[in-house]
Amino acid sequence: MATLESVLVCPFCKHAKQEIMPTDACQFFYECENCHTVLRPLTGDCCVFCSYGSVKCPPIQEQKGCCSC
């Protein structure tokens, strides 16, 4: 079973916040609540959790490939 919580860390201001990851879709955008920068996945990553999170998204954890839900 996949872990559904991940700590997102803003690469600009280093603000960290624990979030619950969606299981039915990739999250392409995330607005940092501290500096209001809108984060997008890095090249090669499918979602903001894979780029900035402490835990990769559920499909990647389950080795299904991202956005396969």
PDB file of N, CA and C in Angstrom:
ATOM      1  N   MET A   1       0.840  -1.187   0.000  1.00  0.00           N
ATOM      2  CA  MET A   1       0.000   0.000   0.000  1.00  0.00           C
ATOM      3  C   MET A   1       0.882   1.246   0.000  1.00  0.00           C
ATOM      4  N   ALA A   2       0.494   2.208  -0.776  1.00  0.00           N
ATOM      5  CA  ALA A   2       1.278   3.433  -0.939  1.00  0.00           C
ATOM      6  C   ALA A   2       1.107   4.384   0.245  1.00  0.00           C
ATOM      7  N   THR A   3       2.165   5.123   0.537  1.00  0.00           N
ATOM      8  CA  THR A   3       2.115   6.199   1.520  1.00  0.00           C
ATOM      9  C   THR A   3       1.422   7.380   0.863  1.00  0.00           C
ATOM     10  N   LEU A   4       0.472   7.999   1.552  1.00  0.00           N
ATOM     11  CA  LEU A   4      -0.294   9.091   0.971  1.00  0.00           C
ATOM     12  C   LEU A   4       0.099  10.464   1.484  1.00  0.00           C
ATOM     13  N   GLU A   5       1.004  10.530   2.448  1.00  0.00           N
ATOM     14  CA  GLU A   5       1.443  11.818   2.975  1.00  0.00           C
ATOM     15  C   GLU A   5       2.880  12.093   2.535  1.00  0.00           C
ATOM     16  N   SER A   6       3.121  13.337   2.186  1.00  0.00           N
ATOM     17  CA  SER A   6       4.452  13.755   1.743  1.00  0.00           C
ATOM     18  C   SER A   6       4.679  15.185   2.213  1.00  0.00           C
ATOM     19  N   VAL A   7       5.896  15.510   2.556  1.00  0.00           N
ATOM     20  CA  VAL A   7       6.241  16.870   2.949  1.00  0.00           C
ATOM     21  C   VAL A   7       6.814  17.566   1.718  1.00  0.00           C
ATOM     22  N   LEU A   8       6.107  18.586   1.248  1.00  0.00           N
ATOM     23  CA  LEU A   8       6.580  19.376   0.113  1.00  0.00           C
ATOM     24  C   LEU A   8       7.461  20.499   0.639  1.00  0.00           C
ATOM     25  N   VAL A   9       8.625  20.675   0.016  1.00  0.00           N
ATOM     26  CA  VAL A   9       9.558  21.735   0.411  1.00  0.00           C
ATOM     27  C   VAL A   9       9.742  22.667  -0.777  1.00  0.00           C
ATOM     28  N   CYS A  10       9.426  23.934  -0.567  1.00  0.00           N
ATOM     29  CA  CYS A  10       9.583  24.937  -1.615  1.00  0.00           C
ATOM     30  C   CYS A  10      11.077  25.166  -1.863  1.00  0.00           C
ATOM     31  N   PRO A  11      11.527  25.039  -3.117  1.00  0.00           N
ATOM     32  CA  PRO A  11      12.950  25.240  -3.393  1.00  0.00           C
ATOM     33  C   PRO A  11      13.387  26.702  -3.317  1.00  0.00           C
ATOM     34  N   PHE A  12      12.450  27.610  -3.236  1.00  0.00           N
ATOM     35  CA  PHE A  12      12.771  29.038  -3.206  1.00  0.00           C
ATOM     36  C   PHE A  12      12.902  29.574  -1.787  1.00  0.00           C
ATOM     37  N   CYS A  13      11.917  29.267  -0.926  1.00  0.00           N
ATOM     38  CA  CYS A  13      11.956  29.809   0.437  1.00  0.00           C
ATOM     39  C   CYS A  13      12.200  28.741   1.506  1.00  0.00           C
ATOM     40  N   LYS A  14      12.231  27.462   1.076  1.00  0.00           N
ATOM     41  CA  LYS A  14      12.478  26.315   1.960  1.00  0.00           C
ATOM     42  C   LYS A  14      11.337  26.030   2.934  1.00  0.00           C
ATOM     43  N   HIS A  15      10.176  26.641   2.722  1.00  0.00           N
ATOM     44  CA  HIS A  15       9.003  26.346   3.545  1.00  0.00           C
ATOM     45  C   HIS A  15       8.587  24.898   3.310  1.00  0.00           C
ATOM     46  N   ALA A  16       8.265  24.184   4.368  1.00  0.00           N
ATOM     47  CA  ALA A  16       7.858  22.785   4.265  1.00  0.00           C
ATOM     48  C   ALA A  16       6.453  22.613   4.821  1.00  0.00           C
ATOM     49  N   LYS A  17       5.653  21.797   4.137  1.00  0.00           N
ATOM     50  CA  LYS A  17       4.301  21.527   4.608  1.00  0.00           C
ATOM     51  C   LYS A  17       3.906  20.103   4.244  1.00  0.00           C
ATOM     52  N   GLN A  18       3.343  19.405   5.219  1.00  0.00           N
ATOM     53  CA  GLN A  18       2.859  18.056   4.972  1.00  0.00           C
ATOM     54  C   GLN A  18       1.530  18.128   4.230  1.00  0.00           C
ATOM     55  N   GLU A  19       1.424  17.363   3.155  1.00  0.00           N
ATOM     56  CA  GLU A  19       0.220  17.333   2.333  1.00  0.00           C
ATOM     57  C   GLU A  19      -0.194  15.888   2.075  1.00  0.00           C
ATOM     58  N   ILE A  20      -1.456  15.703   1.788  1.00  0.00           N
ATOM     59  CA  ILE A  20      -1.969  14.392   1.394  1.00  0.00           C
ATOM     60  C   ILE A  20      -2.003  14.353  -0.127  1.00  0.00           C
ATOM     61  N   MET A  21      -1.412  13.302  -0.694  1.00  0.00           N
ATOM     62  CA  MET A  21      -1.337  13.187  -2.146  1.00  0.00           C
ATOM     63  C   MET A  21      -2.629  12.611  -2.715  1.00  0.00           C
ATOM     64  N   PRO A  22      -3.064  13.110  -3.867  1.00  0.00           N
ATOM     65  CA  PRO A  22      -4.226  12.515  -4.517  1.00  0.00           C
ATOM     66  C   PRO A  22      -3.859  11.126  -5.045  1.00  0.00           C
ATOM     67  N   THR A  23      -4.833  10.240  -5.072  1.00  0.00           N
ATOM     68  CA  THR A  23      -4.596   8.894  -5.583  1.00  0.00           C
ATOM     69  C   THR A  23      -5.193   8.714  -6.975  1.00  0.00           C
ATOM     70  N   ASP A  24      -5.976   9.692  -7.421  1.00  0.00           N
ATOM     71  CA  ASP A  24      -6.686   9.542  -8.699  1.00  0.00           C
ATOM     72  C   ASP A  24      -6.179  10.483  -9.789  1.00  0.00           C
ATOM     73  N   ALA A  25      -5.144  11.280  -9.506  1.00  0.00           N
ATOM     74  CA  ALA A  25      -4.623  12.226 -10.501  1.00  0.00           C
ATOM     75  C   ALA A  25      -3.253  12.724 -10.056  1.00  0.00           C
ATOM     76  N   CYS A  26      -2.481  13.196 -11.030  1.00  0.00           N
ATOM     77  CA  CYS A  26      -1.199  13.831 -10.722  1.00  0.00           C
ATOM     78  C   CYS A  26      -1.455  15.285 -10.328  1.00  0.00           C
ATOM     79  N   GLN A  27      -0.617  15.815  -9.465  1.00  0.00           N
ATOM     80  CA  GLN A  27      -0.734  17.219  -9.089  1.00  0.00           C
ATOM     81  C   GLN A  27       0.389  17.973  -9.785  1.00  0.00           C
ATOM     82  N   PHE A  28       0.020  18.732 -10.813  1.00  0.00           N
ATOM     83  CA  PHE A  28       1.005  19.435 -11.633  1.00  0.00           C
ATOM     84  C   PHE A  28       1.407  20.781 -11.064  1.00  0.00           C
ATOM     85  N   PHE A  29       0.559  21.388 -10.242  1.00  0.00           N
ATOM     86  CA  PHE A  29       0.837  22.717  -9.694  1.00  0.00           C
ATOM     87  C   PHE A  29       0.625  22.696  -8.188  1.00  0.00           C
ATOM     88  N   TYR A  30       1.447  23.476  -7.487  1.00  0.00           N
ATOM     89  CA  TYR A  30       1.302  23.631  -6.043  1.00  0.00           C
ATOM     90  C   TYR A  30       1.792  25.016  -5.687  1.00  0.00           C
ATOM     91  N   GLU A  31       0.938  25.784  -5.005  1.00  0.00           N
ATOM     92  CA  GLU A  31       1.334  27.124  -4.583  1.00  0.00           C
ATOM     93  C   GLU A  31       1.869  27.078  -3.162  1.00  0.00           C
ATOM     94  N   CYS A  32       3.100  27.530  -2.981  1.00  0.00           N
ATOM     95  CA  CYS A  32       3.699  27.605  -1.655  1.00  0.00           C
ATOM     96  C   CYS A  32       2.904  28.609  -0.828  1.00  0.00           C
ATOM     97  N   GLU A  33       2.476  28.180   0.346  1.00  0.00           N
ATOM     98  CA  GLU A  33       1.670  29.089   1.174  1.00  0.00           C
ATOM     99  C   GLU A  33       2.507  30.197   1.810  1.00  0.00           C
ATOM    100  N   ASN A  34       3.825  30.057   1.791  1.00  0.00           N
ATOM    101  CA  ASN A  34       4.694  31.073   2.376  1.00  0.00           C
ATOM    102  C   ASN A  34       5.075  32.167   1.377  1.00  0.00           C
ATOM    103  N   CYS A  35       5.651  31.783   0.234  1.00  0.00           N
ATOM    104  CA  CYS A  35       6.126  32.785  -0.729  1.00  0.00           C
ATOM    105  C   CYS A  35       5.224  32.904  -1.965  1.00  0.00           C
ATOM    106  N   HIS A  36       4.210  32.038  -2.044  1.00  0.00           N
ATOM    107  CA  HIS A  36       3.206  32.049  -3.123  1.00  0.00           C
ATOM    108  C   HIS A  36       3.771  31.722  -4.511  1.00  0.00           C
ATOM    109  N   THR A  37       4.953  31.141  -4.550  1.00  0.00           N
ATOM    110  CA  THR A  37       5.496  30.654  -5.819  1.00  0.00           C
ATOM    111  C   THR A  37       4.705  29.423  -6.234  1.00  0.00           C
ATOM    112  N   VAL A  38       4.354  29.352  -7.508  1.00  0.00           N
ATOM    113  CA  VAL A  38       3.650  28.180  -8.019  1.00  0.00           C
ATOM    114  C   VAL A  38       4.700  27.185  -8.511  1.00  0.00           C
ATOM    115  N   LEU A  39       4.742  26.035  -7.851  1.00  0.00           N
ATOM    116  CA  LEU A  39       5.699  25.001  -8.212  1.00  0.00           C
ATOM    117  C   LEU A  39       5.124  24.116  -9.298  1.00  0.00           C
ATOM    118  N   ARG A  40       5.991  23.690 -10.196  1.00  0.00           N
ATOM    119  CA  ARG A  40       5.641  22.765 -11.275  1.00  0.00           C
ATOM    120  C   ARG A  40       6.658  21.627 -11.241  1.00  0.00           C
ATOM    121  N   PRO A  41       6.311  20.454 -11.746  1.00  0.00           N
ATOM    122  CA  PRO A  41       7.271  19.342 -11.727  1.00  0.00           C
ATOM    123  C   PRO A  41       8.552  19.676 -12.498  1.00  0.00           C
ATOM    124  N   LEU A  42       9.658  19.158 -12.029  1.00  0.00           N
ATOM    125  CA  LEU A  42      10.923  19.293 -12.738  1.00  0.00           C
ATOM    126  C   LEU A  42      10.884  18.398 -13.974  1.00  0.00           C
ATOM    127  N   THR A  43      11.715  18.688 -14.949  1.00  0.00           N
ATOM    128  CA  THR A  43      11.789  17.890 -16.159  1.00  0.00           C
ATOM    129  C   THR A  43      12.039  16.426 -15.806  1.00  0.00           C
ATOM    130  N   GLY A  44      11.211  15.560 -16.351  1.00  0.00           N
ATOM    131  CA  GLY A  44      11.342  14.127 -16.095  1.00  0.00           C
ATOM    132  C   GLY A  44      10.477  13.618 -14.964  1.00  0.00           C
ATOM    133  N   ASP A  45       9.924  14.523 -14.160  1.00  0.00           N
ATOM    134  CA  ASP A  45       9.029  14.121 -13.076  1.00  0.00           C
ATOM    135  C   ASP A  45       7.587  14.337 -13.507  1.00  0.00           C
ATOM    136  N   CYS A  46       6.684  13.554 -12.921  1.00  0.00           N
ATOM    137  CA  CYS A  46       5.290  13.623 -13.342  1.00  0.00           C
ATOM    138  C   CYS A  46       4.452  14.563 -12.498  1.00  0.00           C
ATOM    139  N   CYS A  47       4.908  14.887 -11.288  1.00  0.00           N
ATOM    140  CA  CYS A  47       4.089  15.733 -10.418  1.00  0.00           C
ATOM    141  C   CYS A  47       4.977  16.457  -9.406  1.00  0.00           C
ATOM    142  N   VAL A  48       4.385  17.390  -8.682  1.00  0.00           N
ATOM    143  CA  VAL A  48       5.153  18.174  -7.707  1.00  0.00           C
ATOM    144  C   VAL A  48       5.656  17.312  -6.549  1.00  0.00           C
ATOM    145  N   PHE A  49       4.940  16.227  -6.228  1.00  0.00           N
ATOM    146  CA  PHE A  49       5.394  15.352  -5.141  1.00  0.00           C
ATOM    147  C   PHE A  49       6.665  14.609  -5.532  1.00  0.00           C
ATOM    148  N   CYS A  50       6.771  14.215  -6.801  1.00  0.00           N
ATOM    149  CA  CYS A  50       7.987  13.536  -7.269  1.00  0.00           C
ATOM    150  C   CYS A  50       9.175  14.501  -7.301  1.00  0.00           C
ATOM    151  N   SER A  51       8.918  15.781  -7.522  1.00  0.00           N
ATOM    152  CA  SER A  51       9.993  16.768  -7.592  1.00  0.00           C
ATOM    153  C   SER A  51      10.372  17.361  -6.243  1.00  0.00           C
ATOM    154  N   TYR A  52       9.392  17.675  -5.407  1.00  0.00           N
ATOM    155  CA  TYR A  52       9.658  18.441  -4.188  1.00  0.00           C
ATOM    156  C   TYR A  52       9.219  17.757  -2.900  1.00  0.00           C
ATOM    157  N   GLY A  53       8.651  16.566  -3.007  1.00  0.00           N
ATOM    158  CA  GLY A  53       8.123  15.890  -1.831  1.00  0.00           C
ATOM    159  C   GLY A  53       9.104  14.941  -1.181  1.00  0.00           C
ATOM    160  N   SER A  54       8.820  14.602   0.059  1.00  0.00           N
ATOM    161  CA  SER A  54       9.637  13.639   0.791  1.00  0.00           C
ATOM    162  C   SER A  54       9.304  12.213   0.367  1.00  0.00           C
ATOM    163  N   VAL A  55       8.135  12.038  -0.271  1.00  0.00           N
ATOM    164  CA  VAL A  55       7.690  10.736  -0.756  1.00  0.00           C
ATOM    165  C   VAL A  55       7.168  10.930  -2.175  1.00  0.00           C
ATOM    166  N   LYS A  56       7.519  10.038  -3.077  1.00  0.00           N
ATOM    167  CA  LYS A  56       7.025  10.092  -4.463  1.00  0.00           C
ATOM    168  C   LYS A  56       5.523   9.805  -4.479  1.00  0.00           C
ATOM    169  N   CYS A  57       4.861  10.154  -5.578  1.00  0.00           N
ATOM    170  CA  CYS A  57       3.410   9.966  -5.693  1.00  0.00           C
ATOM    171  C   CYS A  57       3.039   8.481  -5.659  1.00  0.00           C
ATOM    172  N   PRO A  58       1.783   8.162  -5.286  1.00  0.00           N
ATOM    173  CA  PRO A  58       1.360   6.765  -5.157  1.00  0.00           C
ATOM    174  C   PRO A  58       1.611   5.894  -6.396  1.00  0.00           C
ATOM    175  N   PRO A  59       1.312   6.338  -7.627  1.00  0.00           N
ATOM    176  CA  PRO A  59       1.591   5.457  -8.772  1.00  0.00           C
ATOM    177  C   PRO A  59       3.078   5.109  -8.918  1.00  0.00           C
ATOM    178  N   ILE A  60       3.955   6.056  -8.648  1.00  0.00           N
ATOM    179  CA  ILE A  60       5.390   5.790  -8.724  1.00  0.00           C
ATOM    180  C   ILE A  60       5.808   4.828  -7.616  1.00  0.00           C
ATOM    181  N   GLN A  61       5.263   5.015  -6.405  1.00  0.00           N
ATOM    182  CA  GLN A  61       5.567   4.116  -5.297  1.00  0.00           C
ATOM    183  C   GLN A  61       5.184   2.677  -5.647  1.00  0.00           C
ATOM    184  N   GLU A  62       4.070   2.522  -6.334  1.00  0.00           N
ATOM    185  CA  GLU A  62       3.574   1.193  -6.686  1.00  0.00           C
ATOM    186  C   GLU A  62       4.142   0.699  -8.015  1.00  0.00           C
ATOM    187  N   GLN A  63       5.098   1.442  -8.575  1.00  0.00           N
ATOM    188  CA  GLN A  63       5.779   1.097  -9.817  1.00  0.00           C
ATOM    189  C   GLN A  63       4.812   0.892 -10.978  1.00  0.00           C
ATOM    190  N   LYS A  64       3.784   1.740 -11.025  1.00  0.00           N
ATOM    191  CA  LYS A  64       2.783   1.679 -12.098  1.00  0.00           C
ATOM    192  C   LYS A  64       3.039   2.732 -13.153  1.00  0.00           C
ATOM    193  N   GLY A  65       3.996   3.614 -12.923  1.00  0.00           N
ATOM    194  CA  GLY A  65       4.166   4.760 -13.813  1.00  0.00           C
ATOM    195  C   GLY A  65       3.154   5.816 -13.416  1.00  0.00           C
ATOM    196  N   CYS A  66       3.509   7.032 -13.601  1.00  0.00           N
ATOM    197  CA  CYS A  66       2.627   8.111 -13.157  1.00  0.00           C
ATOM    198  C   CYS A  66       1.455   8.320 -14.110  1.00  0.00           C
ATOM    199  N   CYS A  67       0.386   8.856 -13.577  1.00  0.00           N
ATOM    200  CA  CYS A  67      -0.830   9.182 -14.313  1.00  0.00           C
ATOM    201  C   CYS A  67      -1.489   7.955 -14.927  1.00  0.00           C
ATOM    202  N   SER A  68      -1.253   6.797 -14.374  1.00  0.00           N
ATOM    203  CA  SER A  68      -1.876   5.591 -14.896  1.00  0.00           C
ATOM    204  C   SER A  68      -3.212   5.309 -14.216  1.00  0.00           C
ATOM    205  N   CYS A  69      -3.585   6.172 -13.258  1.00  0.00           N
ATOM    206  CA  CYS A  69      -4.836   5.947 -12.524  1.00  0.00           C
ATOM    207  C   CYS A  69      -6.021   6.195 -13.430  1.00  0.00           C
TER     208      CYS A  69
END
